[in-house]
PDB file of N, CA and C in Angstrom:
ATOM      1  N   MET A   1       0.843  -1.184   0.000  1.00  0.00           N
ATOM      2  CA  MET A   1       0.000   0.000   0.000  1.00  0.00           C
ATOM      3  C   MET A   1       0.886   1.245   0.000  1.00  0.00           C
ATOM      4  N   SER A   2       0.603   2.189  -0.861  1.00  0.00           N
ATOM      5  CA  SER A   2       1.389   3.415  -0.894  1.00  0.00           C
ATOM      6  C   SER A   2       0.854   4.407   0.129  1.00  0.00           C
ATOM      7  N   VAL A   3       1.740   5.246   0.606  1.00  0.00           N
ATOM      8  CA  VAL A   3       1.373   6.270   1.575  1.00  0.00           C
ATOM      9  C   VAL A   3       0.642   7.389   0.843  1.00  0.00           C
ATOM     10  N   PRO A   4      -0.566   7.758   1.291  1.00  0.00           N
ATOM     11  CA  PRO A   4      -1.309   8.828   0.623  1.00  0.00           C
ATOM     12  C   PRO A   4      -0.522  10.139   0.615  1.00  0.00           C
ATOM     13  N   LEU A   5      -0.516  10.787  -0.523  1.00  0.00           N
ATOM     14  CA  LEU A   5       0.122  12.089  -0.731  1.00  0.00           C
ATOM     15  C   LEU A   5       1.644  12.039  -0.637  1.00  0.00           C
ATOM     16  N   PHE A   6       2.232  10.844  -0.682  1.00  0.00           N
ATOM     17  CA  PHE A   6       3.681  10.713  -0.581  1.00  0.00           C
ATOM     18  C   PHE A   6       4.388  11.390  -1.747  1.00  0.00           C
ATOM     19  N   ASP A   7       3.696  11.540  -2.876  1.00  0.00           N
ATOM     20  CA  ASP A   7       4.295  12.156  -4.060  1.00  0.00           C
ATOM     21  C   ASP A   7       4.309  13.675  -3.993  1.00  0.00           C
ATOM     22  N   LEU A   8       3.763  14.251  -2.908  1.00  0.00           N
ATOM     23  CA  LEU A   8       3.704  15.702  -2.767  1.00  0.00           C
ATOM     24  C   LEU A   8       4.773  16.198  -1.807  1.00  0.00           C
ATOM     25  N   THR A   9       5.116  17.473  -1.940  1.00  0.00           N
ATOM     26  CA  THR A   9       6.006  18.102  -0.966  1.00  0.00           C
ATOM     27  C   THR A   9       5.211  18.428   0.289  1.00  0.00           C
ATOM     28  N   SER A  10       5.897  18.693   1.373  1.00  0.00           N
ATOM     29  CA  SER A  10       5.201  19.085   2.603  1.00  0.00           C
ATOM     30  C   SER A  10       4.441  20.396   2.389  1.00  0.00           C
ATOM     31  N   PHE A  11       4.980  21.297   1.599  1.00  0.00           N
ATOM     32  CA  PHE A  11       4.296  22.555   1.298  1.00  0.00           C
ATOM     33  C   PHE A  11       2.985  22.287   0.553  1.00  0.00           C
ATOM     34  N   GLN A  12       3.020  21.375  -0.402  1.00  0.00           N
ATOM     35  CA  GLN A  12       1.800  21.038  -1.137  1.00  0.00           C
ATOM     36  C   GLN A  12       0.763  20.389  -0.209  1.00  0.00           C
ATOM     37  N   ARG A  13       1.210  19.548   0.706  1.00  0.00           N
ATOM     38  CA  ARG A  13       0.271  18.959   1.674  1.00  0.00           C
ATOM     39  C   ARG A  13      -0.312  20.040   2.570  1.00  0.00           C
ATOM     40  N   ASP A  14       0.499  21.009   2.976  1.00  0.00           N
ATOM     41  CA  ASP A  14      -0.015  22.119   3.788  1.00  0.00           C
ATOM     42  C   ASP A  14      -1.084  22.895   3.032  1.00  0.00           C
ATOM     43  N   ILE A  15      -0.869  23.118   1.746  1.00  0.00           N
ATOM     44  CA  ILE A  15      -1.868  23.810   0.925  1.00  0.00           C
ATOM     45  C   ILE A  15      -3.176  23.026   0.941  1.00  0.00           C
ATOM     46  N   LEU A  16      -3.087  21.702   0.797  1.00  0.00           N
ATOM     47  CA  LEU A  16      -4.306  20.884   0.809  1.00  0.00           C
ATOM     48  C   LEU A  16      -5.039  20.986   2.140  1.00  0.00           C
ATOM     49  N   TYR A  17      -4.308  20.966   3.235  1.00  0.00           N
ATOM     50  CA  TYR A  17      -4.948  21.080   4.552  1.00  0.00           C
ATOM     51  C   TYR A  17      -5.683  22.413   4.686  1.00  0.00           C
ATOM     52  N   VAL A  18      -5.052  23.494   4.223  1.00  0.00           N
ATOM     53  CA  VAL A  18      -5.707  24.811   4.280  1.00  0.00           C
ATOM     54  C   VAL A  18      -6.952  24.818   3.399  1.00  0.00           C
ATOM     55  N   ALA A  19      -6.828  24.295   2.191  1.00  0.00           N
ATOM     56  CA  ALA A  19      -7.976  24.273   1.281  1.00  0.00           C
ATOM     57  C   ALA A  19      -9.108  23.421   1.845  1.00  0.00           C
ATOM     58  N   MET A  20      -8.761  22.333   2.500  1.00  0.00           N
ATOM     59  CA  MET A  20      -9.783  21.456   3.068  1.00  0.00           C
ATOM     60  C   MET A  20     -10.515  22.134   4.219  1.00  0.00           C
ATOM     61  N   GLY A  21      -9.820  22.982   4.958  1.00  0.00           N
ATOM     62  CA  GLY A  21     -10.417  23.650   6.103  1.00  0.00           C
ATOM     63  C   GLY A  21     -11.040  24.991   5.791  1.00  0.00           C
ATOM     64  N   SER A  22     -11.123  25.333   4.511  1.00  0.00           N
ATOM     65  CA  SER A  22     -11.660  26.634   4.094  1.00  0.00           C
ATOM     66  C   SER A  22     -12.764  26.421   3.068  1.00  0.00           C
ATOM     67  N   ASP A  23     -13.563  27.453   2.876  1.00  0.00           N
ATOM     68  CA  ASP A  23     -14.634  27.389   1.892  1.00  0.00           C
ATOM     69  C   ASP A  23     -14.225  28.158   0.641  1.00  0.00           C
ATOM     70  N   GLN A  24     -13.725  27.447  -0.342  1.00  0.00           N
ATOM     71  CA  GLN A  24     -13.296  28.005  -1.615  1.00  0.00           C
ATOM     72  C   GLN A  24     -12.380  29.225  -1.456  1.00  0.00           C
ATOM     73  N   PRO A  25     -11.223  29.026  -0.814  1.00  0.00           N
ATOM     74  CA  PRO A  25     -10.316  30.155  -0.628  1.00  0.00           C
ATOM     75  C   PRO A  25      -9.638  30.565  -1.932  1.00  0.00           C
ATOM     76  N   SER A  26      -9.327  31.843  -2.022  1.00  0.00           N
ATOM     77  CA  SER A  26      -8.522  32.332  -3.142  1.00  0.00           C
ATOM     78  C   SER A  26      -7.064  31.958  -2.876  1.00  0.00           C
ATOM     79  N   GLY A  27      -6.235  32.100  -3.886  1.00  0.00           N
ATOM     80  CA  GLY A  27      -4.810  31.862  -3.681  1.00  0.00           C
ATOM     81  C   GLY A  27      -4.248  32.784  -2.611  1.00  0.00           C
ATOM     82  N   GLN A  28      -4.690  34.035  -2.601  1.00  0.00           N
ATOM     83  CA  GLN A  28      -4.225  34.998  -1.600  1.00  0.00           C
ATOM     84  C   GLN A  28      -4.637  34.568  -0.193  1.00  0.00           C
ATOM     85  N   GLU A  29      -5.844  34.053  -0.049  1.00  0.00           N
ATOM     86  CA  GLU A  29      -6.299  33.589   1.271  1.00  0.00           C
ATOM     87  C   GLU A  29      -5.497  32.383   1.741  1.00  0.00           C
ATOM     88  N   ILE A  30      -5.166  31.483   0.827  1.00  0.00           N
ATOM     89  CA  ILE A  30      -4.315  30.342   1.175  1.00  0.00           C
ATOM     90  C   ILE A  30      -2.941  30.854   1.594  1.00  0.00           C
ATOM     91  N   LYS A  31      -2.396  31.778   0.833  1.00  0.00           N
ATOM     92  CA  LYS A  31      -1.090  32.368   1.145  1.00  0.00           C
ATOM     93  C   LYS A  31      -1.099  33.014   2.521  1.00  0.00           C
ATOM     94  N   ASP A  32      -2.123  33.817   2.813  1.00  0.00           N
ATOM     95  CA  ASP A  32      -2.217  34.494   4.113  1.00  0.00           C
ATOM     96  C   ASP A  32      -2.286  33.488   5.259  1.00  0.00           C
ATOM     97  N   GLU A  33      -3.060  32.447   5.072  1.00  0.00           N
ATOM     98  CA  GLU A  33      -3.202  31.423   6.114  1.00  0.00           C
ATOM     99  C   GLU A  33      -1.878  30.710   6.365  1.00  0.00           C
ATOM    100  N   LEU A  34      -1.199  30.341   5.308  1.00  0.00           N
ATOM    101  CA  LEU A  34       0.082  29.647   5.452  1.00  0.00           C
ATOM    102  C   LEU A  34       1.148  30.549   6.058  1.00  0.00           C
ATOM    103  N   GLU A  35       1.150  31.829   5.691  1.00  0.00           N
ATOM    104  CA  GLU A  35       2.144  32.750   6.247  1.00  0.00           C
ATOM    105  C   GLU A  35       1.931  32.959   7.743  1.00  0.00           C
ATOM    106  N   GLY A  36       0.749  32.676   8.241  1.00  0.00           N
ATOM    107  CA  GLY A  36       0.520  32.733   9.678  1.00  0.00           C
ATOM    108  C   GLY A  36       1.282  31.655  10.419  1.00  0.00           C
ATOM    109  N   GLU A  37       1.649  30.599   9.703  1.00  0.00           N
ATOM    110  CA  GLU A  37       2.360  29.463  10.308  1.00  0.00           C
ATOM    111  C   GLU A  37       3.780  29.302   9.786  1.00  0.00           C
ATOM    112  N   LEU A  38       4.027  29.737   8.560  1.00  0.00           N
ATOM    113  CA  LEU A  38       5.322  29.552   7.907  1.00  0.00           C
ATOM    114  C   LEU A  38       5.979  30.900   7.656  1.00  0.00           C
ATOM    115  N   GLU A  39       7.080  30.869   6.941  1.00  0.00           N
ATOM    116  CA  GLU A  39       7.753  32.099   6.532  1.00  0.00           C
ATOM    117  C   GLU A  39       6.978  32.766   5.403  1.00  0.00           C
ATOM    118  N   GLU A  40       7.480  33.895   4.954  1.00  0.00           N
ATOM    119  CA  GLU A  40       6.840  34.586   3.836  1.00  0.00           C
ATOM    120  C   GLU A  40       6.833  33.680   2.611  1.00  0.00           C
ATOM    121  N   ILE A  41       5.719  33.685   1.909  1.00  0.00           N
ATOM    122  CA  ILE A  41       5.549  32.844   0.730  1.00  0.00           C
ATOM    123  C   ILE A  41       5.376  33.752  -0.482  1.00  0.00           C
ATOM    124  N   THR A  42       6.198  33.539  -1.483  1.00  0.00           N
ATOM    125  CA  THR A  42       6.108  34.354  -2.692  1.00  0.00           C
ATOM    126  C   THR A  42       5.058  33.779  -3.642  1.00  0.00           C
ATOM    127  N   HIS A  43       4.571  34.637  -4.531  1.00  0.00           N
ATOM    128  CA  HIS A  43       3.635  34.169  -5.564  1.00  0.00           C
ATOM    129  C   HIS A  43       4.306  33.108  -6.427  1.00  0.00           C
ATOM    130  N   GLY A  44       5.611  33.290  -6.667  1.00  0.00           N
ATOM    131  CA  GLY A  44       6.364  32.348  -7.488  1.00  0.00           C
ATOM    132  C   GLY A  44       6.486  30.974  -6.872  1.00  0.00           C
ATOM    133  N   ARG A  45       6.283  30.872  -5.579  1.00  0.00           N
ATOM    134  CA  ARG A  45       6.277  29.569  -4.915  1.00  0.00           C
ATOM    135  C   ARG A  45       4.853  29.022  -4.817  1.00  0.00           C
ATOM    136  N   LEU A  46       3.905  29.877  -4.478  1.00  0.00           N
ATOM    137  CA  LEU A  46       2.547  29.419  -4.224  1.00  0.00           C
ATOM    138  C   LEU A  46       1.839  28.938  -5.484  1.00  0.00           C
ATOM    139  N   TYR A  47       1.779  29.774  -6.501  1.00  0.00           N
ATOM    140  CA  TYR A  47       0.910  29.472  -7.639  1.00  0.00           C
ATOM    141  C   TYR A  47       1.366  28.273  -8.480  1.00  0.00           C
ATOM    142  N   PRO A  48       2.661  28.043  -8.673  1.00  0.00           N
ATOM    143  CA  PRO A  48       3.048  26.798  -9.354  1.00  0.00           C
ATOM    144  C   PRO A  48       2.637  25.552  -8.556  1.00  0.00           C
ATOM    145  N   ASN A  49       2.684  25.648  -7.225  1.00  0.00           N
ATOM    146  CA  ASN A  49       2.264  24.514  -6.405  1.00  0.00           C
ATOM    147  C   ASN A  49       0.749  24.321  -6.453  1.00  0.00           C
ATOM    148  N   LEU A  50      -0.005  25.414  -6.466  1.00  0.00           N
ATOM    149  CA  LEU A  50      -1.454  25.293  -6.648  1.00  0.00           C
ATOM    150  C   LEU A  50      -1.757  24.654  -7.995  1.00  0.00           C
ATOM    151  N   ASP A  51      -1.064  25.091  -9.040  1.00  0.00           N
ATOM    152  CA  ASP A  51      -1.276  24.518 -10.374  1.00  0.00           C
ATOM    153  C   ASP A  51      -0.962  23.024 -10.392  1.00  0.00           C
ATOM    154  N   THR A  52       0.099  22.622  -9.715  1.00  0.00           N
ATOM    155  CA  THR A  52       0.449  21.199  -9.635  1.00  0.00           C
ATOM    156  C   THR A  52      -0.660  20.409  -8.957  1.00  0.00           C
ATOM    157  N   LEU A  53      -1.203  20.950  -7.879  1.00  0.00           N
ATOM    158  CA  LEU A  53      -2.273  20.252  -7.161  1.00  0.00           C
ATOM    159  C   LEU A  53      -3.543  20.161  -8.001  1.00  0.00           C
ATOM    160  N   VAL A  54      -3.803  21.169  -8.818  1.00  0.00           N
ATOM    161  CA  VAL A  54      -4.935  21.119  -9.743  1.00  0.00           C
ATOM    162  C   VAL A  54      -4.661  20.063 -10.820  1.00  0.00           C
ATOM    163  N   GLU A  55      -3.452  20.058 -11.375  1.00  0.00           N
ATOM    164  CA  GLU A  55      -3.085  19.085 -12.411  1.00  0.00           C
ATOM    165  C   GLU A  55      -3.175  17.657 -11.896  1.00  0.00           C
ATOM    166  N   LYS A  56      -2.791  17.445 -10.628  1.00  0.00           N
ATOM    167  CA  LYS A  56      -2.856  16.106 -10.030  1.00  0.00           C
ATOM    168  C   LYS A  56      -4.255  15.770  -9.526  1.00  0.00           C
ATOM    169  N   GLU A  57      -5.178  16.711  -9.698  1.00  0.00           N
ATOM    170  CA  GLU A  57      -6.594  16.549  -9.368  1.00  0.00           C
ATOM    171  C   GLU A  57      -6.867  16.432  -7.868  1.00  0.00           C
ATOM    172  N   TYR A  58      -5.987  17.011  -7.045  1.00  0.00           N
ATOM    173  CA  TYR A  58      -6.241  17.101  -5.610  1.00  0.00           C
ATOM    174  C   TYR A  58      -7.064  18.347  -5.288  1.00  0.00           C
ATOM    175  N   LEU A  59      -6.934  19.365  -6.134  1.00  0.00           N
ATOM    176  CA  LEU A  59      -7.705  20.605  -5.990  1.00  0.00           C
ATOM    177  C   LEU A  59      -8.481  20.865  -7.267  1.00  0.00           C
ATOM    178  N   GLU A  60      -9.574  21.598  -7.109  1.00  0.00           N
ATOM    179  CA  GLU A  60     -10.314  22.111  -8.250  1.00  0.00           C
ATOM    180  C   GLU A  60     -10.187  23.627  -8.223  1.00  0.00           C
ATOM    181  N   LYS A  61     -10.132  24.219  -9.399  1.00  0.00           N
ATOM    182  CA  LYS A  61      -9.931  25.660  -9.527  1.00  0.00           C
ATOM    183  C   LYS A  61     -11.139  26.274 -10.210  1.00  0.00           C
ATOM    184  N   GLY A  62     -11.612  27.381  -9.674  1.00  0.00           N
ATOM    185  CA  GLY A  62     -12.733  28.096 -10.276  1.00  0.00           C
ATOM    186  C   GLY A  62     -12.449  29.586 -10.267  1.00  0.00           C
ATOM    187  N   MET A  63     -13.357  30.358 -10.830  1.00  0.00           N
ATOM    188  CA  MET A  63     -13.177  31.805 -10.898  1.00  0.00           C
ATOM    189  C   MET A  63     -14.199  32.517 -10.025  1.00  0.00           C
ATOM    190  N   LEU A  64     -13.695  33.416  -9.158  1.00  0.00           N
ATOM    191  CA  LEU A  64     -14.582  34.286  -8.394  1.00  0.00           C
ATOM    192  C   LEU A  64     -14.966  35.498  -9.221  1.00  0.00           C
ATOM    193  N   ASP A  65     -13.969  36.046  -9.904  1.00  0.00           N
ATOM    194  CA  ASP A  65     -14.168  37.154 -10.833  1.00  0.00           C
ATOM    195  C   ASP A  65     -13.043  37.094 -11.863  1.00  0.00           C
ATOM    196  N   ARG A  66     -12.941  38.090 -12.711  1.00  0.00           N
ATOM    197  CA  ARG A  66     -11.947  38.034 -13.792  1.00  0.00           C
ATOM    198  C   ARG A  66     -10.511  37.984 -13.292  1.00  0.00           C
ATOM    199  N   ARG A  67     -10.277  38.427 -12.090  1.00  0.00           N
ATOM    200  CA  ARG A  67      -8.905  38.475 -11.569  1.00  0.00           C
ATOM    201  C   ARG A  67      -8.631  37.465 -10.467  1.00  0.00           C
ATOM    202  N   THR A  68      -9.656  36.865  -9.900  1.00  0.00           N
ATOM    203  CA  THR A  68      -9.467  36.043  -8.707  1.00  0.00           C
ATOM    204  C   THR A  68     -10.000  34.630  -8.912  1.00  0.00           C
ATOM    205  N   ASN A  69      -9.129  33.666  -8.668  1.00  0.00           N
ATOM    206  CA  ASN A  69      -9.519  32.259  -8.698  1.00  0.00           C
ATOM    207  C   ASN A  69      -9.774  31.776  -7.278  1.00  0.00           C
ATOM    208  N   PHE A  70     -10.563  30.723  -7.172  1.00  0.00           N
ATOM    209  CA  PHE A  70     -10.710  30.045  -5.891  1.00  0.00           C
ATOM    210  C   PHE A  70     -10.296  28.591  -6.070  1.00  0.00           C
ATOM    211  N   TYR A  71     -10.018  27.959  -4.959  1.00  0.00           N
ATOM    212  CA  TYR A  71      -9.589  26.569  -4.963  1.00  0.00           C
ATOM    213  C   TYR A  71     -10.451  25.803  -3.980  1.00  0.00           C
ATOM    214  N   SER A  72     -10.813  24.599  -4.352  1.00  0.00           N
ATOM    215  CA  SER A  72     -11.549  23.743  -3.433  1.00  0.00           C
ATOM    216  C   SER A  72     -10.978  22.339  -3.517  1.00  0.00           C
ATOM    217  N   ILE A  73     -11.071  21.650  -2.420  1.00  0.00           N
ATOM    218  CA  ILE A  73     -10.556  20.287  -2.361  1.00  0.00           C
ATOM    219  C   ILE A  73     -11.445  19.402  -3.233  1.00  0.00           C
ATOM    220  N   SER A  74     -10.843  18.571  -4.033  1.00  0.00           N
ATOM    221  CA  SER A  74     -11.605  17.645  -4.873  1.00  0.00           C
ATOM    222  C   SER A  74     -11.946  16.395  -4.068  1.00  0.00           C
ATOM    223  N   GLU A  75     -12.774  15.541  -4.626  1.00  0.00           N
ATOM    224  CA  GLU A  75     -13.067  14.270  -3.951  1.00  0.00           C
ATOM    225  C   GLU A  75     -11.788  13.469  -3.767  1.00  0.00           C
ATOM    226  N   LYS A  76     -10.951  13.446  -4.802  1.00  0.00           N
ATOM    227  CA  LYS A  76      -9.666  12.731  -4.716  1.00  0.00           C
ATOM    228  C   LYS A  76      -8.803  13.330  -3.611  1.00  0.00           C
ATOM    229  N   GLY A  77      -8.743  14.669  -3.536  1.00  0.00           N
ATOM    230  CA  GLY A  77      -7.945  15.337  -2.515  1.00  0.00           C
ATOM    231  C   GLY A  77      -8.483  15.073  -1.124  1.00  0.00           C
ATOM    232  N   ASP A  78      -9.793  15.135  -0.960  1.00  0.00           N
ATOM    233  CA  ASP A  78     -10.414  14.877   0.335  1.00  0.00           C
ATOM    234  C   ASP A  78     -10.094  13.461   0.802  1.00  0.00           C
ATOM    235  N   ARG A  79     -10.265  12.509  -0.081  1.00  0.00           N
ATOM    236  CA  ARG A  79      -9.990  11.108   0.256  1.00  0.00           C
ATOM    237  C   ARG A  79      -8.510  10.916   0.608  1.00  0.00           C
ATOM    238  N   ALA A  80      -7.621  11.537  -0.169  1.00  0.00           N
ATOM    239  CA  ALA A  80      -6.180  11.386   0.069  1.00  0.00           C
ATOM    240  C   ALA A  80      -5.762  12.005   1.401  1.00  0.00           C
ATOM    241  N   VAL A  81      -6.300  13.188   1.733  1.00  0.00           N
ATOM    242  CA  VAL A  81      -5.960  13.830   3.011  1.00  0.00           C
ATOM    243  C   VAL A  81      -6.446  12.970   4.165  1.00  0.00           C
ATOM    244  N   ARG A  82      -7.662  12.449   4.072  1.00  0.00           N
ATOM    245  CA  ARG A  82      -8.197  11.606   5.149  1.00  0.00           C
ATOM    246  C   ARG A  82      -7.381  10.326   5.309  1.00  0.00           C
ATOM    247  N   GLU A  83      -6.989   9.716   4.192  1.00  0.00           N
ATOM    248  CA  GLU A  83      -6.154   8.514   4.255  1.00  0.00           C
ATOM    249  C   GLU A  83      -4.792   8.836   4.839  1.00  0.00           C
ATOM    250  N   ARG A  84      -4.237   9.989   4.478  1.00  0.00           N
ATOM    251  CA  ARG A  84      -2.935  10.414   5.025  1.00  0.00           C
ATOM    252  C   ARG A  84      -3.019  10.571   6.535  1.00  0.00           C
ATOM    253  N   ARG A  85      -4.091  11.214   7.004  1.00  0.00           N
ATOM    254  CA  ARG A  85      -4.260  11.423   8.446  1.00  0.00           C
ATOM    255  C   ARG A  85      -4.366  10.084   9.176  1.00  0.00           C
ATOM    256  N   ARG A  86      -5.088   9.137   8.599  1.00  0.00           N
ATOM    257  CA  ARG A  86      -5.177   7.804   9.224  1.00  0.00           C
ATOM    258  C   ARG A  86      -3.797   7.151   9.265  1.00  0.00           C
ATOM    259  N   TRP A  87      -3.030   7.284   8.186  1.00  0.00           N
ATOM    260  CA  TRP A  87      -1.692   6.721   8.150  1.00  0.00           C
ATOM    261  C   TRP A  87      -0.805   7.370   9.211  1.00  0.00           C
ATOM    262  N   GLU A  88      -0.853   8.713   9.310  1.00  0.00           N
ATOM    263  CA  GLU A  88      -0.059   9.428  10.312  1.00  0.00           C
ATOM    264  C   GLU A  88      -0.454   8.998  11.725  1.00  0.00           C
ATOM    265  N   ASP A  89      -1.736   8.838  11.963  1.00  0.00           N
ATOM    266  CA  ASP A  89      -2.223   8.457  13.296  1.00  0.00           C
ATOM    267  C   ASP A  89      -1.722   7.081  13.726  1.00  0.00           C
ATOM    268  N   ARG A  90      -1.360   6.238  12.784  1.00  0.00           N
ATOM    269  CA  ARG A  90      -0.804   4.925  13.146  1.00  0.00           C
ATOM    270  C   ARG A  90       0.561   5.063  13.812  1.00  0.00           C
ATOM    271  N   TYR A  91       1.245   6.157  13.552  1.00  0.00           N
ATOM    272  CA  TYR A  91       2.618   6.326  14.031  1.00  0.00           C
ATOM    273  C   TYR A  91       2.781   7.395  15.087  1.00  0.00           C
ATOM    274  N   VAL A  92       1.824   8.293  15.189  1.00  0.00           N
ATOM    275  CA  VAL A  92       1.923   9.397  16.141  1.00  0.00           C
ATOM    276  C   VAL A  92       0.740   9.311  17.096  1.00  0.00           C
ATOM    277  N   ASP A  93       1.051   9.161  18.360  1.00  0.00           N
ATOM    278  CA  ASP A  93       0.002   9.094  19.377  1.00  0.00           C
ATOM    279  C   ASP A  93       0.208  10.246  20.345  1.00  0.00           C
ATOM    280  N   PHE A  94      -0.756  11.127  20.421  1.00  0.00           N
ATOM    281  CA  PHE A  94      -0.643  12.296  21.282  1.00  0.00           C
ATOM    282  C   PHE A  94      -1.236  12.083  22.662  1.00  0.00           C
ATOM    283  N   ASP A  95      -1.743  10.903  22.939  1.00  0.00           N
ATOM    284  CA  ASP A  95      -2.327  10.635  24.261  1.00  0.00           C
ATOM    285  C   ASP A  95      -1.285  10.251  25.276  1.00  0.00           C
TER     286      ASP A  95
END
């Protein structure tokens, strides 16, 4: 059995977690949320990773207006994140 999301970087997994916990966030909203936990994130780092996640069908991309896109977790992404969490829980016990 392969580890869910093993083919992604930790940054890409973080993007998925933010998208899963938000209601159709824009790229800027994802960036703002991640910068609350990580270092400054450039557009040149964020948007290619969002595009990769869309290409791999973990995220879906839509348009809010002519200048702003939104991202939502796809069924594949939702399933993969949940499977990843179950896999992680097998090895990390916080009790």
